[in-house]
ModelCIF file with pLDDT and N, C-alpha, C, O atoms, coordinates in Angstrom:
data_MODEL
#
_entry.id   MODEL 
#
_entity.id                         1 
_entity.type                       polymer 
_entity.pdbx_number_of_molecules   1 
#
_entity_poly.entity_id                      1 
_entity_poly.type                           'polypeptide(L)' 
_entity_poly.nstd_linkage                   no 
_entity_poly.nstd_monomer                   no 
_entity_poly.pdbx_seq_one_letter_code       EYFFNIGYGYHSNDARGTTLQRDPTNGDFLDSTSARI 
_entity_poly.pdbx_seq_one_letter_code_can   EYFFNIGYGYHSNDARGTTLQRDPTNGDFLDSTSARI 
_entity_poly.pdbx_strand_id                 A 
#
loop_
_entity_poly_seq.entity_id 
_entity_poly_seq.num 
_entity_poly_seq.mon_id 
_entity_poly_seq.hetero 
1 1  GLU n 
1 2  TYR n 
1 3  PHE n 
1 4  PHE n 
1 5  ASN n 
1 6  ILE n 
1 7  GLY n 
1 8  TYR n 
1 9  GLY n 
1 10 TYR n 
1 11 HIS n 
1 12 SER n 
1 13 ASN n 
1 14 ASP n 
1 15 ALA n 
1 16 ARG n 
1 17 GLY n 
1 18 THR n 
1 19 THR n 
1 20 LEU n 
1 21 GLN n 
1 22 ARG n 
1 23 ASP n 
1 24 PRO n 
1 25 THR n 
1 26 ASN n 
1 27 GLY n 
1 28 ASP n 
1 29 PHE n 
1 30 LEU n 
1 31 ASP n 
1 32 SER n 
1 33 THR n 
1 34 SER n 
1 35 ALA n 
1 36 ARG n 
1 37 ILE n 
#
_struct_asym.id          A 
_struct_asym.entity_id   1 
#
loop_
_ma_qa_metric.id 
_ma_qa_metric.mode 
_ma_qa_metric.name 
_ma_qa_metric.software_group_id 
_ma_qa_metric.type 
1 global pLDDT . pLDDT 
2 local  pLDDT . pLDDT 
#
_ma_qa_metric_global.metric_id      1 
_ma_qa_metric_global.metric_value   93.54 
_ma_qa_metric_global.model_id       1 
_ma_qa_metric_global.ordinal_id     1 
#
loop_
_ma_qa_metric_local.label_asym_id 
_ma_qa_metric_local.label_comp_id 
_ma_qa_metric_local.label_seq_id 
_ma_qa_metric_local.metric_id 
_ma_qa_metric_local.metric_value 
_ma_qa_metric_local.model_id 
_ma_qa_metric_local.ordinal_id 
A GLU 1  2 98.00 1 1  
A TYR 2  2 98.00 1 2  
A PHE 3  2 98.00 1 3  
A PHE 4  2 98.00 1 4  
A ASN 5  2 98.00 1 5  
A ILE 6  2 98.00 1 6  
A GLY 7  2 97.00 1 7  
A TYR 8  2 97.00 1 8  
A GLY 9  2 95.00 1 9  
A TYR 10 2 94.00 1 10 
A HIS 11 2 92.00 1 11 
A SER 12 2 94.00 1 12 
A ASN 13 2 92.00 1 13 
A ASP 14 2 93.00 1 14 
A ALA 15 2 95.00 1 15 
A ARG 16 2 94.00 1 16 
A GLY 17 2 92.00 1 17 
A THR 18 2 94.00 1 18 
A THR 19 2 96.00 1 19 
A LEU 20 2 95.00 1 20 
A GLN 21 2 95.00 1 21 
A ARG 22 2 95.00 1 22 
A ASP 23 2 93.00 1 23 
A PRO 24 2 93.00 1 24 
A THR 25 2 92.00 1 25 
A ASN 26 2 93.00 1 26 
A GLY 27 2 94.00 1 27 
A ASP 28 2 95.00 1 28 
A PHE 29 2 95.00 1 29 
A LEU 30 2 92.00 1 30 
A ASP 31 2 90.00 1 31 
A SER 32 2 86.00 1 32 
A THR 33 2 82.00 1 33 
A SER 34 2 85.00 1 34 
A ALA 35 2 91.00 1 35 
A ARG 36 2 92.00 1 36 
A ILE 37 2 90.00 1 37 
#
loop_
_atom_site.group_PDB 
_atom_site.id 
_atom_site.type_symbol 
_atom_site.label_atom_id 
_atom_site.label_alt_id 
_atom_site.label_comp_id 
_atom_site.label_asym_id 
_atom_site.label_entity_id 
_atom_site.label_seq_id 
_atom_site.pdbx_PDB_ins_code 
_atom_site.Cartn_x 
_atom_site.Cartn_y 
_atom_site.Cartn_z 
_atom_site.occupancy 
_atom_site.B_iso_or_equiv 
_atom_site.pdbx_formal_charge 
_atom_site.auth_seq_id 
_atom_site.auth_comp_id 
_atom_site.auth_asym_id 
_atom_site.auth_atom_id 
_atom_site.pdbx_PDB_model_num 
ATOM 1   N N  . GLU A 1 1  ? 88.298  112.030 70.107  1.00 98.00 ? 1  GLU A N  1 
ATOM 2   C CA . GLU A 1 1  ? 88.503  113.342 70.703  1.00 98.00 ? 1  GLU A CA 1 
ATOM 3   C C  . GLU A 1 1  ? 89.776  113.309 71.541  1.00 98.00 ? 1  GLU A C  1 
ATOM 4   O O  . GLU A 1 1  ? 90.144  112.267 72.083  1.00 98.00 ? 1  GLU A O  1 
ATOM 5   N N  . TYR A 1 2  ? 90.466  114.489 71.648  1.00 98.00 ? 2  TYR A N  1 
ATOM 6   C CA . TYR A 1 2  ? 91.768  114.575 72.315  1.00 98.00 ? 2  TYR A CA 1 
ATOM 7   C C  . TYR A 1 2  ? 91.682  115.600 73.449  1.00 98.00 ? 2  TYR A C  1 
ATOM 8   O O  . TYR A 1 2  ? 91.107  116.677 73.288  1.00 98.00 ? 2  TYR A O  1 
ATOM 9   N N  . PHE A 1 3  ? 92.266  115.244 74.603  1.00 98.00 ? 3  PHE A N  1 
ATOM 10  C CA . PHE A 1 3  ? 92.122  116.043 75.818  1.00 98.00 ? 3  PHE A CA 1 
ATOM 11  C C  . PHE A 1 3  ? 93.497  116.407 76.381  1.00 98.00 ? 3  PHE A C  1 
ATOM 12  O O  . PHE A 1 3  ? 94.426  115.600 76.369  1.00 98.00 ? 3  PHE A O  1 
ATOM 13  N N  . PHE A 1 4  ? 93.599  117.644 76.875  1.00 98.00 ? 4  PHE A N  1 
ATOM 14  C CA . PHE A 1 4  ? 94.793  118.107 77.578  1.00 98.00 ? 4  PHE A CA 1 
ATOM 15  C C  . PHE A 1 4  ? 94.315  118.862 78.821  1.00 98.00 ? 4  PHE A C  1 
ATOM 16  O O  . PHE A 1 4  ? 93.581  119.844 78.708  1.00 98.00 ? 4  PHE A O  1 
ATOM 17  N N  . ASN A 1 5  ? 94.729  118.408 79.997  1.00 98.00 ? 5  ASN A N  1 
ATOM 18  C CA . ASN A 1 5  ? 94.199  118.956 81.254  1.00 98.00 ? 5  ASN A CA 1 
ATOM 19  C C  . ASN A 1 5  ? 95.321  119.260 82.230  1.00 98.00 ? 5  ASN A C  1 
ATOM 20  O O  . ASN A 1 5  ? 96.280  118.496 82.343  1.00 98.00 ? 5  ASN A O  1 
ATOM 21  N N  . ILE A 1 6  ? 95.199  120.381 82.935  1.00 98.00 ? 6  ILE A N  1 
ATOM 22  C CA . ILE A 1 6  ? 96.092  120.713 84.039  1.00 98.00 ? 6  ILE A CA 1 
ATOM 23  C C  . ILE A 1 6  ? 95.247  121.309 85.157  1.00 98.00 ? 6  ILE A C  1 
ATOM 24  O O  . ILE A 1 6  ? 94.173  121.857 84.908  1.00 98.00 ? 6  ILE A O  1 
ATOM 25  N N  . GLY A 1 7  ? 95.735  121.199 86.391  1.00 97.00 ? 7  GLY A N  1 
ATOM 26  C CA . GLY A 1 7  ? 94.969  121.770 87.489  1.00 97.00 ? 7  GLY A CA 1 
ATOM 27  C C  . GLY A 1 7  ? 95.622  121.575 88.835  1.00 97.00 ? 7  GLY A C  1 
ATOM 28  O O  . GLY A 1 7  ? 96.512  120.741 89.005  1.00 97.00 ? 7  GLY A O  1 
ATOM 29  N N  . TYR A 1 8  ? 95.162  122.360 89.785  1.00 97.00 ? 8  TYR A N  1 
ATOM 30  C CA . TYR A 1 8  ? 95.567  122.251 91.186  1.00 97.00 ? 8  TYR A CA 1 
ATOM 31  C C  . TYR A 1 8  ? 94.387  121.723 91.999  1.00 97.00 ? 8  TYR A C  1 
ATOM 32  O O  . TYR A 1 8  ? 93.228  121.980 91.674  1.00 97.00 ? 8  TYR A O  1 
ATOM 33  N N  . GLY A 1 9  ? 94.702  120.985 93.058  1.00 95.00 ? 9  GLY A N  1 
ATOM 34  C CA . GLY A 1 9  ? 93.705  120.516 94.004  1.00 95.00 ? 9  GLY A CA 1 
ATOM 35  C C  . GLY A 1 9  ? 94.315  120.479 95.390  1.00 95.00 ? 9  GLY A C  1 
ATOM 36  O O  . GLY A 1 9  ? 95.398  121.019 95.615  1.00 95.00 ? 9  GLY A O  1 
ATOM 37  N N  . TYR A 1 10 ? 93.617  119.841 96.323  1.00 94.00 ? 10 TYR A N  1 
ATOM 38  C CA . TYR A 1 10 ? 94.149  119.782 97.683  1.00 94.00 ? 10 TYR A CA 1 
ATOM 39  C C  . TYR A 1 10 ? 93.435  118.704 98.477  1.00 94.00 ? 10 TYR A C  1 
ATOM 40  O O  . TYR A 1 10 ? 92.375  118.218 98.082  1.00 94.00 ? 10 TYR A O  1 
ATOM 41  N N  . HIS A 1 11 ? 94.037  118.338 99.610  1.00 92.00 ? 11 HIS A N  1 
ATOM 42  C CA . HIS A 1 11 ? 93.313  117.602 100.642 1.00 92.00 ? 11 HIS A CA 1 
ATOM 43  C C  . HIS A 1 11 ? 93.600  118.254 101.979 1.00 92.00 ? 11 HIS A C  1 
ATOM 44  O O  . HIS A 1 11 ? 94.718  118.694 102.248 1.00 92.00 ? 11 HIS A O  1 
ATOM 45  N N  . SER A 1 12 ? 92.576  118.307 102.810 1.00 94.00 ? 12 SER A N  1 
ATOM 46  C CA . SER A 1 12 ? 92.742  118.889 104.140 1.00 94.00 ? 12 SER A CA 1 
ATOM 47  C C  . SER A 1 12 ? 93.464  117.900 105.039 1.00 94.00 ? 12 SER A C  1 
ATOM 48  O O  . SER A 1 12 ? 93.443  116.694 104.792 1.00 94.00 ? 12 SER A O  1 
ATOM 49  N N  . ASN A 1 13 ? 94.097  118.408 106.074 1.00 92.00 ? 13 ASN A N  1 
ATOM 50  C CA . ASN A 1 13 ? 94.758  117.577 107.079 1.00 92.00 ? 13 ASN A CA 1 
ATOM 51  C C  . ASN A 1 13 ? 93.915  117.522 108.348 1.00 92.00 ? 13 ASN A C  1 
ATOM 52  O O  . ASN A 1 13 ? 93.085  118.396 108.599 1.00 92.00 ? 13 ASN A O  1 
ATOM 53  N N  . ASP A 1 14 ? 94.140  116.484 109.137 1.00 93.00 ? 14 ASP A N  1 
ATOM 54  C CA . ASP A 1 14 ? 93.413  116.310 110.391 1.00 93.00 ? 14 ASP A CA 1 
ATOM 55  C C  . ASP A 1 14 ? 93.608  117.546 111.274 1.00 93.00 ? 14 ASP A C  1 
ATOM 56  O O  . ASP A 1 14 ? 94.737  117.982 111.503 1.00 93.00 ? 14 ASP A O  1 
ATOM 57  N N  . ALA A 1 15 ? 92.502  118.105 111.765 1.00 95.00 ? 15 ALA A N  1 
ATOM 58  C CA . ALA A 1 15 ? 92.569  119.332 112.553 1.00 95.00 ? 15 ALA A CA 1 
ATOM 59  C C  . ALA A 1 15 ? 93.440  119.182 113.787 1.00 95.00 ? 15 ALA A C  1 
ATOM 60  O O  . ALA A 1 15 ? 94.072  120.149 114.212 1.00 95.00 ? 15 ALA A O  1 
ATOM 61  N N  . ARG A 1 16 ? 93.490  117.987 114.374 1.00 94.00 ? 16 ARG A N  1 
ATOM 62  C CA . ARG A 1 16 ? 94.302  117.785 115.575 1.00 94.00 ? 16 ARG A CA 1 
ATOM 63  C C  . ARG A 1 16 ? 95.772  118.032 115.297 1.00 94.00 ? 16 ARG A C  1 
ATOM 64  O O  . ARG A 1 16 ? 96.488  118.566 116.144 1.00 94.00 ? 16 ARG A O  1 
ATOM 65  N N  . GLY A 1 17 ? 96.231  117.641 114.099 1.00 92.00 ? 17 GLY A N  1 
ATOM 66  C CA . GLY A 1 17 ? 97.629  117.856 113.755 1.00 92.00 ? 17 GLY A CA 1 
ATOM 67  C C  . GLY A 1 17 ? 97.970  119.315 113.527 1.00 92.00 ? 17 GLY A C  1 
ATOM 68  O O  . GLY A 1 17 ? 99.130  119.705 113.665 1.00 92.00 ? 17 GLY A O  1 
ATOM 69  N N  . THR A 1 18 ? 96.968  120.144 113.174 1.00 94.00 ? 18 THR A N  1 
ATOM 70  C CA . THR A 1 18 ? 97.243  121.546 112.879 1.00 94.00 ? 18 THR A CA 1 
ATOM 71  C C  . THR A 1 18 ? 97.484  122.374 114.135 1.00 94.00 ? 18 THR A C  1 
ATOM 72  O O  . THR A 1 18 ? 98.048  123.465 114.051 1.00 94.00 ? 18 THR A O  1 
ATOM 73  N N  . THR A 1 19 ? 97.072  121.881 115.287 1.00 96.00 ? 19 THR A N  1 
ATOM 74  C CA . THR A 1 19 ? 97.297  122.607 116.547 1.00 96.00 ? 19 THR A CA 1 
ATOM 75  C C  . THR A 1 19 ? 98.217  121.850 117.496 1.00 96.00 ? 19 THR A C  1 
ATOM 76  O O  . THR A 1 19 ? 98.549  122.354 118.569 1.00 96.00 ? 19 THR A O  1 
ATOM 77  N N  . LEU A 1 20 ? 98.631  120.652 117.114 1.00 95.00 ? 20 LEU A N  1 
ATOM 78  C CA . LEU A 1 20 ? 99.444  119.796 117.978 1.00 95.00 ? 20 LEU A CA 1 
ATOM 79  C C  . LEU A 1 20 ? 100.845 120.381 118.168 1.00 95.00 ? 20 LEU A C  1 
ATOM 80  O O  . LEU A 1 20 ? 101.543 120.654 117.191 1.00 95.00 ? 20 LEU A O  1 
ATOM 81  N N  . GLN A 1 21 ? 101.261 120.574 119.444 1.00 95.00 ? 21 GLN A N  1 
ATOM 82  C CA . GLN A 1 21 ? 102.598 121.063 119.748 1.00 95.00 ? 21 GLN A CA 1 
ATOM 83  C C  . GLN A 1 21 ? 103.358 120.153 120.714 1.00 95.00 ? 21 GLN A C  1 
ATOM 84  O O  . GLN A 1 21 ? 104.589 120.163 120.752 1.00 95.00 ? 21 GLN A O  1 
ATOM 85  N N  . ARG A 1 22 ? 102.615 119.370 121.490 1.00 95.00 ? 22 ARG A N  1 
ATOM 86  C CA . ARG A 1 22 ? 103.252 118.480 122.458 1.00 95.00 ? 22 ARG A CA 1 
ATOM 87  C C  . ARG A 1 22 ? 102.697 117.066 122.309 1.00 95.00 ? 22 ARG A C  1 
ATOM 88  O O  . ARG A 1 22 ? 101.506 116.878 122.057 1.00 95.00 ? 22 ARG A O  1 
ATOM 89  N N  . ASP A 1 23 ? 103.568 116.082 122.465 1.00 93.00 ? 23 ASP A N  1 
ATOM 90  C CA . ASP A 1 23 ? 103.172 114.685 122.343 1.00 93.00 ? 23 ASP A CA 1 
ATOM 91  C C  . ASP A 1 23 ? 102.124 114.365 123.407 1.00 93.00 ? 23 ASP A C  1 
ATOM 92  O O  . ASP A 1 23 ? 102.385 114.554 124.595 1.00 93.00 ? 23 ASP A O  1 
ATOM 93  N N  . PRO A 1 24 ? 100.938 113.884 123.006 1.00 93.00 ? 24 PRO A N  1 
ATOM 94  C CA . PRO A 1 24 ? 99.878  113.657 124.001 1.00 93.00 ? 24 PRO A CA 1 
ATOM 95  C C  . PRO A 1 24 ? 100.189 112.511 124.965 1.00 93.00 ? 24 PRO A C  1 
ATOM 96  O O  . PRO A 1 24 ? 99.555  112.402 126.015 1.00 93.00 ? 24 PRO A O  1 
ATOM 97  N N  . THR A 1 25 ? 101.150 111.660 124.623 1.00 92.00 ? 25 THR A N  1 
ATOM 98  C CA . THR A 1 25 ? 101.450 110.516 125.491 1.00 92.00 ? 25 THR A CA 1 
ATOM 99  C C  . THR A 1 25 ? 102.424 110.848 126.608 1.00 92.00 ? 25 THR A C  1 
ATOM 100 O O  . THR A 1 25 ? 102.394 110.214 127.663 1.00 92.00 ? 25 THR A O  1 
ATOM 101 N N  . ASN A 1 26 ? 103.306 111.854 126.387 1.00 93.00 ? 26 ASN A N  1 
ATOM 102 C CA . ASN A 1 26 ? 104.308 112.175 127.418 1.00 93.00 ? 26 ASN A CA 1 
ATOM 103 C C  . ASN A 1 26 ? 104.509 113.665 127.647 1.00 93.00 ? 26 ASN A C  1 
ATOM 104 O O  . ASN A 1 26 ? 105.243 114.050 128.557 1.00 93.00 ? 26 ASN A O  1 
ATOM 105 N N  . GLY A 1 27 ? 103.880 114.506 126.849 1.00 94.00 ? 27 GLY A N  1 
ATOM 106 C CA . GLY A 1 27 ? 103.990 115.944 127.031 1.00 94.00 ? 27 GLY A CA 1 
ATOM 107 C C  . GLY A 1 27 ? 105.212 116.566 126.405 1.00 94.00 ? 27 GLY A C  1 
ATOM 108 O O  . GLY A 1 27 ? 105.383 117.782 126.495 1.00 94.00 ? 27 GLY A O  1 
ATOM 109 N N  . ASP A 1 28 ? 106.092 115.771 125.757 1.00 95.00 ? 28 ASP A N  1 
ATOM 110 C CA . ASP A 1 28 ? 107.291 116.335 125.134 1.00 95.00 ? 28 ASP A CA 1 
ATOM 111 C C  . ASP A 1 28 ? 106.911 117.268 123.991 1.00 95.00 ? 28 ASP A C  1 
ATOM 112 O O  . ASP A 1 28 ? 105.936 117.041 123.276 1.00 95.00 ? 28 ASP A O  1 
ATOM 113 N N  . PHE A 1 29 ? 107.721 118.341 123.837 1.00 95.00 ? 29 PHE A N  1 
ATOM 114 C CA . PHE A 1 29 ? 107.492 119.260 122.724 1.00 95.00 ? 29 PHE A CA 1 
ATOM 115 C C  . PHE A 1 29 ? 107.945 118.610 121.420 1.00 95.00 ? 29 PHE A C  1 
ATOM 116 O O  . PHE A 1 29 ? 109.007 117.990 121.360 1.00 95.00 ? 29 PHE A O  1 
ATOM 117 N N  . LEU A 1 30 ? 107.131 118.757 120.380 1.00 92.00 ? 30 LEU A N  1 
ATOM 118 C CA . LEU A 1 30 ? 107.450 118.191 119.075 1.00 92.00 ? 30 LEU A CA 1 
ATOM 119 C C  . LEU A 1 30 ? 108.368 119.124 118.303 1.00 92.00 ? 30 LEU A C  1 
ATOM 120 O O  . LEU A 1 30 ? 108.369 120.333 118.533 1.00 92.00 ? 30 LEU A O  1 
ATOM 121 N N  . ASP A 1 31 ? 109.151 118.559 117.385 1.00 90.00 ? 31 ASP A N  1 
ATOM 122 C CA . ASP A 1 31 ? 110.015 119.429 116.574 1.00 90.00 ? 31 ASP A CA 1 
ATOM 123 C C  . ASP A 1 31 ? 109.176 120.155 115.531 1.00 90.00 ? 31 ASP A C  1 
ATOM 124 O O  . ASP A 1 31 ? 107.996 119.856 115.344 1.00 90.00 ? 31 ASP A O  1 
ATOM 125 N N  . SER A 1 32 ? 109.799 121.104 114.861 1.00 86.00 ? 32 SER A N  1 
ATOM 126 C CA . SER A 1 32 ? 109.064 122.008 113.971 1.00 86.00 ? 32 SER A CA 1 
ATOM 127 C C  . SER A 1 32 ? 108.475 121.297 112.761 1.00 86.00 ? 32 SER A C  1 
ATOM 128 O O  . SER A 1 32 ? 107.525 121.794 112.155 1.00 86.00 ? 32 SER A O  1 
ATOM 129 N N  . THR A 1 33 ? 109.026 120.135 112.399 1.00 82.00 ? 33 THR A N  1 
ATOM 130 C CA . THR A 1 33 ? 108.514 119.436 111.224 1.00 82.00 ? 33 THR A CA 1 
ATOM 131 C C  . THR A 1 33 ? 107.192 118.732 111.473 1.00 82.00 ? 33 THR A C  1 
ATOM 132 O O  . THR A 1 33 ? 106.427 118.504 110.536 1.00 82.00 ? 33 THR A O  1 
ATOM 133 N N  . SER A 1 34 ? 106.913 118.386 112.717 1.00 85.00 ? 34 SER A N  1 
ATOM 134 C CA . SER A 1 34 ? 105.682 117.646 113.007 1.00 85.00 ? 34 SER A CA 1 
ATOM 135 C C  . SER A 1 34 ? 104.703 118.433 113.869 1.00 85.00 ? 34 SER A C  1 
ATOM 136 O O  . SER A 1 34 ? 103.583 117.974 114.093 1.00 85.00 ? 34 SER A O  1 
ATOM 137 N N  . ALA A 1 35 ? 105.095 119.600 114.356 1.00 91.00 ? 35 ALA A N  1 
ATOM 138 C CA . ALA A 1 35 ? 104.189 120.424 115.164 1.00 91.00 ? 35 ALA A CA 1 
ATOM 139 C C  . ALA A 1 35 ? 103.403 121.376 114.267 1.00 91.00 ? 35 ALA A C  1 
ATOM 140 O O  . ALA A 1 35 ? 103.952 121.949 113.326 1.00 91.00 ? 35 ALA A O  1 
ATOM 141 N N  . ARG A 1 36 ? 102.131 121.536 114.561 1.00 92.00 ? 36 ARG A N  1 
ATOM 142 C CA . ARG A 1 36 ? 101.270 122.505 113.886 1.00 92.00 ? 36 ARG A CA 1 
ATOM 143 C C  . ARG A 1 36 ? 101.412 122.419 112.364 1.00 92.00 ? 36 ARG A C  1 
ATOM 144 O O  . ARG A 1 36 ? 101.824 123.380 111.716 1.00 92.00 ? 36 ARG A O  1 
ATOM 145 N N  . ILE A 1 37 ? 101.065 121.258 111.803 1.00 90.00 ? 37 ILE A N  1 
ATOM 146 C CA . ILE A 1 37 ? 101.151 121.083 110.360 1.00 90.00 ? 37 ILE A CA 1 
ATOM 147 C C  . ILE A 1 37 ? 100.111 121.963 109.671 1.00 90.00 ? 37 ILE A C  1 
ATOM 148 O O  . ILE A 1 37 ? 100.018 121.963 108.443 1.00 90.00 ? 37 ILE A O  1 
#
């Protein structure tokens, strides 16, 4: 038998990273690439 498959999926990210805006160790603001993923 022969199979052909395509599809989309996902993985969730850690909830802490989705709201993170300031470094918890020093309070510095994070840049846009790592804040609120």
